[in-house]
Amino acid sequence: MTMAVGTTGWDALAAQHLRMTQSGTTIEGMFARDPNRIEQMTHQCGSVMVDLSKHLIDTAALDTLLALADEYNLNDAIHAMFNGDVVNNTENRPALHVALRGHVPASMPHVAGTVSETLTKMRRFIEQIQSGEWQGFTRHRINTIVNIGIGGSDLGPAMVTAALRPFHHPNLRCLFVSNVDPAHIRSVLKDCDADKTLFIIASKTFTTLETLSNARLAKEWYLSEGGTEQDIHRHFVAVSSNVSAAASFGINPDNIFPMWDWVGGRYSLWSAIGLSIALATSMSVFEQLLAGAAEADSHFLTSPLKNNVPVLMGMLAVWYRNFWHCDSHVVLPYAQDLHLLPAFLQQLEMESLGKSVDRHGCALAAQSGPVIWGSAGTNGQHSFHQLLHQGTRMIPADFIAVAHTSCVDDQQQHQHLLANCLAQSRALMCGKSYDEAREENIKKGLSAEQSSILAHHRQVPGNRPSSTFVLSSLNAHALGTLIALYEHKVFVQSVIWNINAFDQWGVEIGKQLSGPMFDALGGDEQAIKSLDASSRYLINHMTKPERNVHGQ
């Protein structure tokens, strides 16, 4: 099917948007007119409650939005993905991350066995490490795991490991290295003991520049700290589909965990890429993570569109991107342990939806994915929330709250955290009128004239939409559900925009151009001549001898 722009449903949505803007519809007004709004727009998926009632959409517009999903055969597309159809058409592959959580296509029964074998291998390995059976070259037990990867081989495992901090194994710490900047891995290695450190080299192809550069540096460090070539198998394992390359690096083939081309990098934390998660916590915790995601999968596959949380999330994203012209979307986890979630969702959404052509290679007729950004609350309140409340752009927000803290002795402080989360979503909705701001100024003792002048600066427009996700507690099951909801939200948007959510060709161009740049930085005259004037100037500047500034 072609892009939805110009279809009956698209035109109907444009009419709904025009009606709402011309009538001055407000979120508060919709609550006043509809006493059942909260009941109708609050949904449950497992242990995650999702409140969509503070969105700038009424019943008529929501019905029209879901009619567009029907018109675009969204339900058929969902079943096609779960059935193992080739949804990644540019690489001729299915996208079977849901199979890692138990939803195996009937036409591909062998996948179940492959996944089960991998989980069994992971379980045995984790038992060996956590029990102390697996030992380093001085026969001490391993106490540090360093995951070396980038993109999906880093962001997902790092985010989940941080989020599940209360469940960490008492005798293991898990660190992550991704950036090719040597300062990253050097800063990690300075606090490690070579004889007690295990490196996981996570790279599907085992050719990724950043990962291989850091792996070689880690190997050099290991050897310089007393390790031997004969004992490399005790300190290096891999997650890769390129067994021969990993074996050539020195990794025992028995310690290479598989990856498959039917799982994309940004969807891979559920696979052996999640080895670091399971090591940092336990295999039981990792299985709970999978179970939570499986619950979201079942919900997505079987729930009617009007009650389907990922469908509603995705369709609302289309509503704001294409009809309210919102360029970005902010993610605000009010849980410090979820501080890496915005970065993880940046890759998930922007790498999946950052496309300008449809599945057939034709230019899109409407805007695709927005910019995803955010940080943990309450930190953001003291930096960018000013823009959310009084800036000129409407930016939809996702608030993520955890009802019950793991810090059982700090209930009052957690209450402050929740109060701030709820207050921010209410402030976005309600704002503060000029008259309210003026009255506040007068009550503070300002003159009428001063109060009127300052009120212009203190008024807040409000009527800015947000979702609130409430996890009963931040455990593996709830986290798995939350992540999977966002994964499926992305797929919903891709169906409406008719784009492939599972490729990332734009990533390749930078990799291709970095080779000649590397050569040019090394003085290769031919490489230098092939570059543009700006690049030549920058290289000349960067390769000048370092000056002694201020005697340092």
Protein backbone atom coordinates (compact mmCIF):
# COMPACT_ATOMS: atom_id res chain seq x y z
CA MET A 1 0.00 0.00 0.00
CA THR A 2 1.22 3.54 -0.71
CA MET A 3 1.69 6.31 1.81
CA ALA A 4 -1.48 7.13 3.77
CA VAL A 5 -1.34 10.81 2.76
CA GLY A 6 -4.28 11.61 0.54
CA THR A 7 -6.36 8.64 1.63
CA THR A 8 -9.84 9.03 3.04
CA GLY A 9 -8.58 8.39 6.56
CA TRP A 10 -5.75 10.92 6.26
CA ASP A 11 -8.09 13.62 5.01
CA ALA A 12 -10.56 12.80 7.78
CA LEU A 13 -7.83 13.22 10.38
CA ALA A 14 -6.82 16.55 8.89
CA ALA A 15 -10.44 17.64 9.26
CA GLN A 16 -10.48 16.50 12.90
CA HIS A 17 -7.32 18.47 13.60
CA LEU A 18 -8.81 21.57 11.98
CA ARG A 19 -12.00 21.18 14.03
CA MET A 20 -10.08 20.89 17.29
CA THR A 21 -7.80 23.86 16.60
CA GLN A 22 -10.60 26.14 15.40
CA SER A 23 -12.80 25.27 18.38
CA GLY A 24 -9.95 25.84 20.85
CA THR A 25 -10.21 22.33 22.27
CA THR A 26 -8.26 21.88 25.50
CA ILE A 27 -7.32 18.75 27.43
CA GLU A 28 -8.89 20.18 30.58
CA GLY A 29 -12.06 20.93 28.66
CA MET A 30 -12.27 17.36 27.41
CA PHE A 31 -12.07 16.10 30.99
CA ALA A 32 -14.88 18.47 31.96
CA ARG A 33 -17.11 17.29 29.10
CA ASP A 34 -16.43 13.57 29.46
CA PRO A 35 -16.63 12.10 32.99
CA ASN A 36 -15.53 8.70 31.60
CA ARG A 37 -12.38 9.99 29.91
CA ILE A 38 -9.93 8.56 32.42
CA GLU A 39 -11.61 5.16 32.34
CA GLN A 40 -11.68 5.07 28.55
CA MET A 41 -8.09 6.22 28.07
CA THR A 42 -6.30 4.26 30.79
CA HIS A 43 -5.03 0.81 29.89
CA GLN A 44 -3.20 -2.06 31.55
CA CYS A 45 -0.59 -4.32 30.03
CA GLY A 46 0.76 -6.74 32.59
CA SER A 47 2.10 -4.73 35.51
CA VAL A 48 2.38 -1.54 33.43
CA MET A 49 -0.50 0.94 33.61
CA VAL A 50 -0.68 3.48 30.79
CA ASP A 51 -2.62 6.73 31.19
CA LEU A 52 -3.32 8.37 27.82
CA SER A 53 -6.02 10.71 29.09
CA LYS A 54 -3.81 13.82 28.98
CA HIS A 55 -3.52 13.69 25.21
CA LEU A 56 -4.81 16.37 22.90
CA ILE A 57 -7.35 14.14 21.23
CA ASP A 58 -11.07 13.60 21.76
CA THR A 59 -13.25 10.59 21.07
CA ALA A 60 -14.13 11.61 17.52
CA ALA A 61 -10.50 12.23 16.58
CA LEU A 62 -9.33 9.02 18.25
CA ASP A 63 -11.96 6.99 16.40
CA THR A 64 -10.78 8.58 13.15
CA LEU A 65 -7.16 7.83 14.03
CA LEU A 66 -7.95 4.15 14.62
CA ALA A 67 -10.00 4.08 11.40
CA LEU A 68 -6.79 5.09 9.60
CA ALA A 69 -5.05 2.11 11.20
CA ASP A 70 -7.82 -0.13 9.88
CA GLU A 71 -7.66 1.46 6.46
CA TYR A 72 -3.94 0.79 6.41
CA ASN A 73 -4.44 -2.88 7.42
CA LEU A 74 -2.41 -2.51 10.59
CA ASN A 75 -3.75 -5.71 12.12
CA ASP A 76 -2.66 -7.69 9.05
CA ALA A 77 0.81 -6.13 9.27
CA ILE A 78 1.12 -7.11 12.93
CA HIS A 79 0.25 -10.72 12.14
CA ALA A 80 2.66 -10.70 9.20
CA MET A 81 5.55 -9.78 11.48
CA PHE A 82 4.62 -12.44 14.06
CA ASN A 83 4.19 -15.02 11.29
CA GLY A 84 7.76 -14.53 10.09
CA ASP A 85 6.95 -12.75 6.83
CA VAL A 86 9.76 -10.78 5.20
CA VAL A 87 9.00 -7.41 6.79
CA ASN A 88 12.60 -6.26 6.33
CA ASN A 89 12.24 -6.09 2.56
CA THR A 90 15.54 -4.32 1.75
CA GLU A 91 17.54 -7.11 3.38
CA ASN A 92 15.03 -9.87 2.55
CA ARG A 93 14.61 -10.93 6.17
CA PRO A 94 11.88 -11.46 8.75
CA ALA A 95 12.11 -9.58 12.06
CA LEU A 96 11.75 -12.27 14.70
CA HIS A 97 12.73 -10.62 17.96
CA VAL A 98 9.33 -11.79 19.25
CA ALA A 99 10.52 -15.40 18.69
CA LEU A 100 13.18 -14.82 21.34
CA ARG A 101 10.28 -14.31 23.77
CA GLY A 102 8.36 -17.45 22.73
CA HIS A 103 6.25 -16.26 19.80
CA VAL A 104 7.73 -18.59 17.18
CA PRO A 105 6.05 -18.67 13.73
CA ALA A 106 4.35 -21.99 12.99
CA SER A 107 6.16 -22.07 9.67
CA MET A 108 9.58 -21.87 11.37
CA PRO A 109 9.58 -24.47 14.18
CA HIS A 110 13.37 -24.82 14.03
CA VAL A 111 13.68 -21.32 15.49
CA ALA A 112 12.27 -22.54 18.81
CA GLY A 113 15.01 -25.15 19.10
CA THR A 114 17.72 -22.67 18.20
CA VAL A 115 16.52 -20.18 20.80
CA SER A 116 16.16 -22.89 23.46
CA GLU A 117 19.69 -24.20 22.80
CA THR A 118 21.11 -20.71 23.17
CA LEU A 119 19.29 -20.09 26.46
CA THR A 120 20.56 -23.43 27.78
CA LYS A 121 24.12 -22.52 26.79
CA MET A 122 23.76 -19.12 28.45
CA ARG A 123 22.39 -20.70 31.62
CA ARG A 124 25.32 -23.11 31.95
CA PHE A 125 27.87 -20.37 31.29
CA ILE A 126 26.30 -18.05 33.84
CA GLU A 127 26.28 -20.81 36.45
CA GLN A 128 29.99 -21.37 35.86
CA ILE A 129 30.84 -17.67 36.24
CA GLN A 130 28.59 -16.91 39.22
CA SER A 131 29.54 -20.05 41.14
CA GLY A 132 33.26 -19.43 40.74
CA GLU A 133 33.76 -22.62 38.72
CA TRP A 134 35.04 -20.50 35.83
CA GLN A 135 38.37 -19.02 36.86
CA GLY A 136 40.94 -16.64 35.42
CA PHE A 137 44.58 -17.30 34.62
CA THR A 138 45.64 -17.08 38.31
CA ARG A 139 42.73 -19.39 39.22
CA HIS A 140 40.80 -16.61 40.93
CA ARG A 141 37.08 -16.32 40.27
CA ILE A 142 35.84 -13.67 37.84
CA ASN A 143 34.53 -10.52 39.55
CA THR A 144 34.26 -8.08 36.60
CA ILE A 145 32.44 -8.39 33.29
CA VAL A 146 33.31 -5.91 30.53
CA ASN A 147 30.87 -5.88 27.61
CA ILE A 148 32.49 -4.48 24.47
CA GLY A 149 29.96 -3.56 21.81
CA ILE A 150 28.24 -0.58 20.24
CA GLY A 151 24.72 0.36 19.16
CA GLY A 152 22.30 -2.45 19.91
CA SER A 153 25.13 -4.54 21.35
CA ASP A 154 25.65 -1.89 24.01
CA LEU A 155 22.66 0.40 24.53
CA GLY A 156 20.11 -2.30 25.34
CA PRO A 157 22.25 -4.40 27.69
CA ALA A 158 23.67 -1.30 29.41
CA MET A 159 20.22 0.21 29.91
CA VAL A 160 18.67 -2.97 31.29
CA THR A 161 21.65 -3.73 33.53
CA ALA A 162 21.45 -0.24 35.03
CA ALA A 163 17.68 -0.47 35.43
CA LEU A 164 17.92 -3.76 37.34
CA ARG A 165 20.52 -2.49 39.81
CA PRO A 166 18.71 -3.89 42.89
CA PHE A 167 18.97 -7.38 41.37
CA HIS A 168 22.73 -7.32 40.70
CA HIS A 169 24.81 -10.32 41.71
CA PRO A 170 26.77 -9.48 44.88
CA ASN A 171 30.09 -10.82 43.57
CA LEU A 172 30.03 -9.46 40.02
CA ARG A 173 30.05 -6.03 38.45
CA CYS A 174 29.27 -5.41 34.81
CA LEU A 175 30.86 -2.55 32.87
CA PHE A 176 30.25 -1.39 29.30
CA VAL A 177 32.61 -0.04 26.65
CA SER A 178 31.34 1.27 23.33
CA ASN A 179 33.12 4.40 22.11
CA VAL A 180 36.17 4.02 19.86
CA ASP A 181 37.67 6.88 21.87
CA PRO A 182 40.47 5.04 23.75
CA ALA A 183 39.70 7.15 26.82
CA HIS A 184 36.52 5.09 27.27
CA ILE A 185 38.12 1.68 27.55
CA ARG A 186 41.20 3.00 29.35
CA SER A 187 39.03 4.56 32.05
CA VAL A 188 37.27 1.19 32.52
CA LEU A 189 40.43 -0.94 32.50
CA LYS A 190 42.23 1.13 35.13
CA ASP A 191 39.85 -0.26 37.75
CA CYS A 192 40.03 -3.90 36.58
CA ASP A 193 42.27 -6.82 37.53
CA ALA A 194 43.24 -8.76 34.43
CA ASP A 195 43.12 -12.14 36.17
CA LYS A 196 39.55 -11.51 37.38
CA THR A 197 38.05 -9.82 34.31
CA LEU A 198 35.95 -11.43 31.59
CA PHE A 199 35.39 -9.61 28.30
CA ILE A 200 32.29 -10.17 26.16
CA ILE A 201 32.95 -9.13 22.56
CA ALA A 202 29.48 -8.43 21.17
CA SER A 203 29.47 -7.99 17.40
CA LYS A 204 27.26 -9.80 14.92
CA THR A 205 29.83 -9.54 12.11
CA PHE A 206 32.93 -9.36 14.30
CA THR A 207 34.11 -6.59 11.99
CA THR A 208 32.62 -3.47 13.62
CA LEU A 209 35.42 -0.92 13.83
CA GLU A 210 34.67 0.40 17.30
CA THR A 211 34.15 -3.03 18.85
CA LEU A 212 37.19 -4.65 17.23
CA SER A 213 39.44 -1.69 18.11
CA ASN A 214 38.40 -1.92 21.75
CA ALA A 215 38.66 -5.72 21.75
CA ARG A 216 42.24 -5.56 20.47
CA LEU A 217 43.13 -2.95 23.06
CA ALA A 218 41.56 -5.11 25.78
CA LYS A 219 43.58 -8.09 24.59
CA GLU A 220 46.80 -6.08 24.59
CA TRP A 221 46.05 -4.89 28.12
CA TYR A 222 45.30 -8.44 29.27
CA LEU A 223 48.61 -9.70 27.90
CA SER A 224 50.53 -6.76 29.40
CA GLU A 225 49.02 -7.51 32.82
CA GLY A 226 50.35 -11.07 32.97
CA GLY A 227 47.81 -12.96 30.91
CA THR A 228 48.94 -15.47 28.32
CA GLU A 229 47.72 -16.49 24.88
CA GLN A 230 46.99 -19.95 26.27
CA ASP A 231 44.56 -18.51 28.81
CA ILE A 232 42.71 -16.10 26.53
CA HIS A 233 39.78 -18.53 26.46
CA ARG A 234 39.33 -17.88 30.19
CA HIS A 235 38.91 -14.13 29.70
CA PHE A 236 37.30 -13.56 26.31
CA VAL A 237 33.96 -14.82 25.00
CA ALA A 238 31.95 -13.55 22.05
CA VAL A 239 28.42 -13.06 20.81
CA SER A 240 28.68 -13.20 17.04
CA SER A 241 27.53 -14.91 13.88
CA ASN A 242 31.10 -14.82 12.52
CA VAL A 243 32.55 -17.81 14.36
CA SER A 244 35.73 -18.01 12.28
CA ALA A 245 36.67 -14.36 12.91
CA ALA A 246 36.02 -14.69 16.64
CA ALA A 247 38.05 -17.91 16.76
CA SER A 248 40.92 -16.19 14.91
CA PHE A 249 40.90 -13.54 17.63
CA GLY A 250 41.63 -16.33 20.10
CA ILE A 251 38.17 -17.10 21.44
CA ASN A 252 37.31 -20.73 21.99
CA PRO A 253 34.49 -21.67 19.55
CA ASP A 254 32.68 -23.27 22.50
CA ASN A 255 32.51 -19.78 24.05
CA ILE A 256 30.95 -18.07 21.04
CA PHE A 257 27.24 -17.43 21.46
CA PRO A 258 25.14 -17.17 18.30
CA MET A 259 23.43 -14.24 16.64
CA TRP A 260 21.01 -14.47 13.73
CA ASP A 261 20.19 -12.21 10.81
CA TRP A 262 16.48 -12.36 11.72
CA VAL A 263 17.15 -10.27 14.85
CA GLY A 264 18.18 -6.65 14.32
CA GLY A 265 20.80 -5.09 16.56
CA ARG A 266 18.45 -2.67 18.28
CA TYR A 267 16.06 -5.56 19.02
CA SER A 268 18.78 -7.96 20.21
CA LEU A 269 18.96 -7.53 23.99
CA TRP A 270 16.57 -10.52 24.24
CA SER A 271 19.16 -12.76 22.55
CA ALA A 272 22.64 -13.79 23.70
CA ILE A 273 23.49 -10.09 23.40
CA GLY A 274 21.76 -10.00 26.79
CA LEU A 275 24.49 -12.23 28.25
CA SER A 276 25.84 -9.28 30.22
CA ILE A 277 22.37 -8.65 31.69
CA ALA A 278 22.08 -12.24 32.88
CA LEU A 279 25.62 -12.23 34.28
CA ALA A 280 25.03 -8.97 36.14
CA THR A 281 21.80 -10.34 37.64
CA SER A 282 20.91 -14.00 37.07
CA MET A 283 19.47 -16.22 34.37
CA SER A 284 16.21 -16.25 36.31
CA VAL A 285 16.01 -12.45 36.12
CA PHE A 286 16.79 -12.55 32.39
CA GLU A 287 13.96 -15.06 31.88
CA GLN A 288 11.60 -12.74 33.76
CA LEU A 289 12.62 -9.97 31.35
CA LEU A 290 11.69 -12.23 28.43
CA ALA A 291 8.38 -13.16 30.09
CA GLY A 292 7.45 -9.51 30.55
CA ALA A 293 8.15 -8.80 26.88
CA ALA A 294 6.15 -11.89 25.88
CA GLU A 295 3.15 -10.50 27.77
CA ALA A 296 3.38 -7.28 25.76
CA ASP A 297 3.71 -9.34 22.57
CA SER A 298 0.48 -11.23 23.31
CA HIS A 299 -1.28 -7.98 24.13
CA PHE A 300 -0.11 -6.41 20.85
CA LEU A 301 -1.10 -9.45 18.81
CA THR A 302 -4.56 -10.07 20.28
CA SER A 303 -5.99 -6.85 21.74
CA PRO A 304 -8.53 -4.79 19.77
CA LEU A 305 -6.97 -1.64 18.34
CA LYS A 306 -8.92 0.65 20.69
CA ASN A 307 -7.46 -1.14 23.73
CA ASN A 308 -4.07 -1.98 22.26
CA VAL A 309 -1.40 0.03 24.07
CA PRO A 310 1.37 -0.07 21.42
CA VAL A 311 -1.17 0.69 18.70
CA LEU A 312 -2.43 3.71 20.63
CA MET A 313 1.14 4.84 21.37
CA GLY A 314 2.11 4.56 17.71
CA MET A 315 -1.03 6.14 16.30
CA LEU A 316 -0.78 9.06 18.73
CA ALA A 317 2.81 9.55 17.57
CA VAL A 318 1.52 9.77 13.98
CA TRP A 319 -1.19 12.20 15.11
CA TYR A 320 1.34 14.58 16.64
CA ARG A 321 4.03 14.21 13.98
CA ASN A 322 1.85 14.64 10.92
CA PHE A 323 -1.08 16.75 12.07
CA TRP A 324 0.26 18.84 14.96
CA HIS A 325 3.72 19.05 13.33
CA CYS A 326 5.63 18.06 16.46
CA ASP A 327 9.31 17.59 15.60
CA SER A 328 10.39 15.84 18.79
CA HIS A 329 9.19 13.64 21.61
CA VAL A 330 10.63 13.67 25.13
CA VAL A 331 11.03 10.61 27.40
CA LEU A 332 11.09 11.36 31.13
CA PRO A 333 11.73 8.35 33.38
CA TYR A 334 11.18 9.38 36.99
CA ALA A 335 13.49 6.61 38.17
CA GLN A 336 17.24 7.10 38.27
CA ASP A 337 17.81 3.45 37.45
CA LEU A 338 16.10 4.14 34.09
CA HIS A 339 18.45 7.02 33.24
CA LEU A 340 19.72 5.21 30.11
CA LEU A 341 16.23 4.56 28.74
CA PRO A 342 16.04 7.77 26.65
CA ALA A 343 19.34 6.89 24.90
CA PHE A 344 18.11 3.35 24.24
CA LEU A 345 14.84 4.66 22.79
CA GLN A 346 16.74 7.16 20.67
CA GLN A 347 18.32 4.29 18.77
CA LEU A 348 15.17 2.16 18.74
CA GLU A 349 12.99 4.91 17.29
CA MET A 350 15.35 7.11 15.30
CA GLU A 351 17.29 4.30 13.63
CA SER A 352 14.03 2.54 12.80
CA LEU A 353 11.98 5.55 11.70
CA GLY A 354 14.62 7.95 10.42
CA LYS A 355 13.78 7.25 6.79
CA SER A 356 12.87 9.52 3.87
CA VAL A 357 11.71 6.87 1.39
CA ASP A 358 9.01 4.23 1.66
CA ARG A 359 9.37 0.46 1.32
CA HIS A 360 9.45 0.83 -2.47
CA GLY A 361 12.12 3.53 -2.48
CA CYS A 362 9.73 6.40 -3.22
CA ALA A 363 10.03 9.72 -1.39
CA LEU A 364 7.73 10.01 1.61
CA ALA A 365 4.83 12.41 1.26
CA ALA A 366 4.78 13.18 5.00
CA GLN A 367 7.26 13.56 7.82
CA SER A 368 8.53 10.37 9.46
CA GLY A 369 10.15 9.79 12.86
CA PRO A 370 10.58 12.66 15.34
CA VAL A 371 13.68 13.38 17.40
CA ILE A 372 13.64 11.34 20.63
CA TRP A 373 15.36 12.78 23.68
CA GLY A 374 15.09 13.13 27.44
CA SER A 375 16.69 12.36 30.78
CA ALA A 376 15.83 11.09 34.22
CA GLY A 377 13.53 13.16 36.40
CA THR A 378 13.87 15.26 38.43
CA ASN A 379 17.13 16.37 36.77
CA GLY A 380 15.43 17.55 33.60
CA GLN A 381 13.20 19.92 35.57
CA HIS A 382 16.28 22.02 36.25
CA SER A 383 17.44 22.14 32.65
CA PHE A 384 15.09 21.60 29.69
CA HIS A 385 11.62 21.55 31.27
CA GLN A 386 11.59 25.32 30.85
CA LEU A 387 11.34 24.72 27.10
CA LEU A 388 8.61 22.10 27.55
CA HIS A 389 6.44 24.51 29.52
CA GLN A 390 7.06 27.89 27.89
CA GLY A 391 8.82 27.19 24.60
CA THR A 392 7.20 27.83 21.24
CA ARG A 393 7.08 24.14 20.26
CA MET A 394 4.58 21.59 21.50
CA ILE A 395 6.57 18.51 22.53
CA PRO A 396 4.62 15.40 23.55
CA ALA A 397 6.07 13.76 26.65
CA ASP A 398 6.24 10.29 28.15
CA PHE A 399 6.41 10.22 31.94
CA ILE A 400 7.51 6.89 33.42
CA ALA A 401 6.96 6.38 37.13
CA VAL A 402 7.61 3.51 39.52
CA ALA A 403 4.97 3.29 42.23
CA HIS A 404 7.00 1.32 44.76
CA THR A 405 10.68 2.04 45.30
CA SER A 406 13.39 -0.53 45.98
CA CYS A 407 14.76 1.91 48.60
CA VAL A 408 12.36 0.78 51.31
CA ASP A 409 13.83 3.09 53.96
CA ASP A 410 13.37 6.21 51.85
CA GLN A 411 9.64 6.34 51.26
CA GLN A 412 9.24 10.06 51.85
CA GLN A 413 11.96 10.94 49.35
CA HIS A 414 10.35 8.60 46.82
CA GLN A 415 7.07 10.37 47.50
CA HIS A 416 8.77 13.64 46.47
CA LEU A 417 9.88 11.96 43.24
CA LEU A 418 6.36 10.79 42.39
CA ALA A 419 4.89 14.16 43.35
CA ASN A 420 7.24 15.91 40.93
CA CYS A 421 6.39 13.47 38.14
CA LEU A 422 2.66 13.99 38.57
CA ALA A 423 3.06 17.74 39.00
CA GLN A 424 4.99 18.06 35.74
CA SER A 425 2.38 16.21 33.70
CA ARG A 426 -0.36 18.30 35.31
CA ALA A 427 1.57 21.51 34.64
CA LEU A 428 1.94 20.60 30.96
CA MET A 429 -1.81 20.06 30.75
CA CYS A 430 -3.10 22.95 32.87
CA GLY A 431 -0.45 25.61 32.49
CA LYS A 432 -1.01 28.96 34.19
CA SER A 433 -3.15 31.73 32.74
CA TYR A 434 -2.19 35.40 32.62
CA ASP A 435 -4.85 36.19 35.23
CA GLU A 436 -3.60 33.46 37.56
CA ALA A 437 -0.03 34.69 37.23
CA ARG A 438 -1.08 38.29 37.84
CA GLU A 439 -3.07 37.33 40.94
CA GLU A 440 -0.07 35.42 42.33
CA ASN A 441 2.10 38.51 41.85
CA ILE A 442 -0.37 40.73 43.65
CA LYS A 443 -0.53 38.28 46.57
CA LYS A 444 3.26 38.49 46.80
CA GLY A 445 2.96 42.24 47.34
CA LEU A 446 3.83 43.53 43.90
CA SER A 447 2.07 46.60 42.58
CA ALA A 448 -0.71 46.21 40.03
CA GLU A 449 1.56 47.52 37.29
CA GLN A 450 4.46 45.24 38.25
CA SER A 451 2.11 42.30 38.55
CA SER A 452 0.70 42.88 35.07
CA ILE A 453 4.14 43.19 33.46
CA LEU A 454 5.58 40.11 35.20
CA ALA A 455 2.46 38.03 34.51
CA HIS A 456 3.36 37.93 30.82
CA HIS A 457 6.60 36.14 31.75
CA ARG A 458 5.06 33.81 34.32
CA GLN A 459 2.08 32.57 32.34
CA VAL A 460 2.38 29.02 30.96
CA PRO A 461 0.25 28.02 27.95
CA GLY A 462 -0.53 24.46 29.02
CA ASN A 463 -2.58 22.14 26.79
CA ARG A 464 0.56 20.13 26.08
CA PRO A 465 0.07 16.38 25.79
CA SER A 466 1.69 13.56 27.73
CA SER A 467 1.44 9.86 28.51
CA THR A 468 2.12 8.46 31.96
CA PHE A 469 3.41 4.92 32.38
CA VAL A 470 3.26 3.51 35.90
CA LEU A 471 5.22 0.40 36.82
CA SER A 472 4.19 -1.15 40.11
CA SER A 473 7.88 -1.77 40.78
CA LEU A 474 10.98 -1.68 38.61
CA ASN A 475 11.62 -5.39 38.15
CA ALA A 476 12.65 -7.46 35.14
CA HIS A 477 9.12 -8.49 34.17
CA ALA A 478 7.76 -4.93 34.17
CA LEU A 479 10.84 -3.63 32.35
CA GLY A 480 10.48 -6.29 29.67
CA THR A 481 6.87 -5.27 29.14
CA LEU A 482 7.75 -1.59 28.91
CA ILE A 483 10.55 -2.10 26.37
CA ALA A 484 8.40 -4.35 24.18
CA LEU A 485 5.59 -1.78 24.19
CA TYR A 486 7.99 0.77 22.73
CA GLU A 487 9.29 -1.74 20.17
CA HIS A 488 5.78 -2.38 18.92
CA LYS A 489 4.95 1.33 18.94
CA VAL A 490 7.77 1.79 16.43
CA PHE A 491 6.37 -0.94 14.18
CA VAL A 492 2.93 0.69 14.20
CA GLN A 493 4.38 3.98 12.99
CA SER A 494 6.37 2.22 10.29
CA VAL A 495 3.21 0.61 8.92
CA ILE A 496 1.36 3.93 8.67
CA TRP A 497 4.35 5.64 7.06
CA ASN A 498 5.00 2.55 4.89
CA ILE A 499 8.69 2.41 5.78
CA ASN A 500 11.03 -0.42 6.71
CA ALA A 501 11.66 -0.19 10.45
CA PHE A 502 14.33 -2.88 10.42
CA ASP A 503 17.13 -1.54 8.19
CA GLN A 504 19.54 1.35 8.78
CA TRP A 505 21.31 2.19 5.55
CA GLY A 506 22.03 5.73 6.70
CA VAL A 507 24.47 4.32 9.26
CA GLU A 508 26.66 2.94 6.48
CA ILE A 509 27.72 6.19 4.82
CA GLY A 510 29.69 7.41 7.82
CA LYS A 511 31.49 4.08 8.06
CA GLN A 512 32.38 4.24 4.36
CA LEU A 513 33.75 7.77 4.57
CA SER A 514 35.76 7.21 7.74
CA GLY A 515 38.30 5.01 5.88
CA PRO A 516 39.60 7.76 3.57
CA MET A 517 39.51 10.19 6.50
CA PHE A 518 41.66 7.83 8.56
CA ASP A 519 44.17 7.56 5.72
CA ALA A 520 44.22 11.31 5.26
CA LEU A 521 44.85 11.89 8.97
CA GLY A 522 47.81 9.53 8.57
CA GLY A 523 49.28 11.69 5.81
CA ASP A 524 48.12 9.82 2.69
CA GLU A 525 48.37 12.49 -0.02
CA GLN A 526 45.96 10.77 -2.41
CA ALA A 527 43.34 10.48 0.32
CA ILE A 528 43.82 14.15 1.22
CA LYS A 529 43.39 15.26 -2.39
CA SER A 530 40.12 13.32 -2.68
CA LEU A 531 38.48 15.32 0.12
CA ASP A 532 36.50 18.55 0.13
CA ALA A 533 38.13 21.83 1.15
CA SER A 534 36.58 21.87 4.62
CA SER A 535 37.76 18.35 5.44
CA ARG A 536 41.29 19.14 4.15
CA TYR A 537 41.43 22.25 6.31
CA LEU A 538 40.27 20.40 9.41
CA ILE A 539 42.76 17.58 8.88
CA ASN A 540 45.58 20.08 8.39
CA HIS A 541 44.56 21.80 11.64
CA MET A 542 44.28 18.56 13.61
CA THR A 543 47.63 17.18 12.47
CA LYS A 544 49.68 20.25 13.37
CA PRO A 545 52.17 19.64 16.20
CA GLU A 546 50.58 20.24 19.59
CA ARG A 547 51.39 23.63 21.03
CA ASN A 548 52.44 24.16 24.62
CA VAL A 549 49.63 26.33 25.97
CA HIS A 550 50.20 28.20 29.25
CA GLY A 551 53.22 26.04 30.01
CA GLN A 552 51.16 22.82 30.18
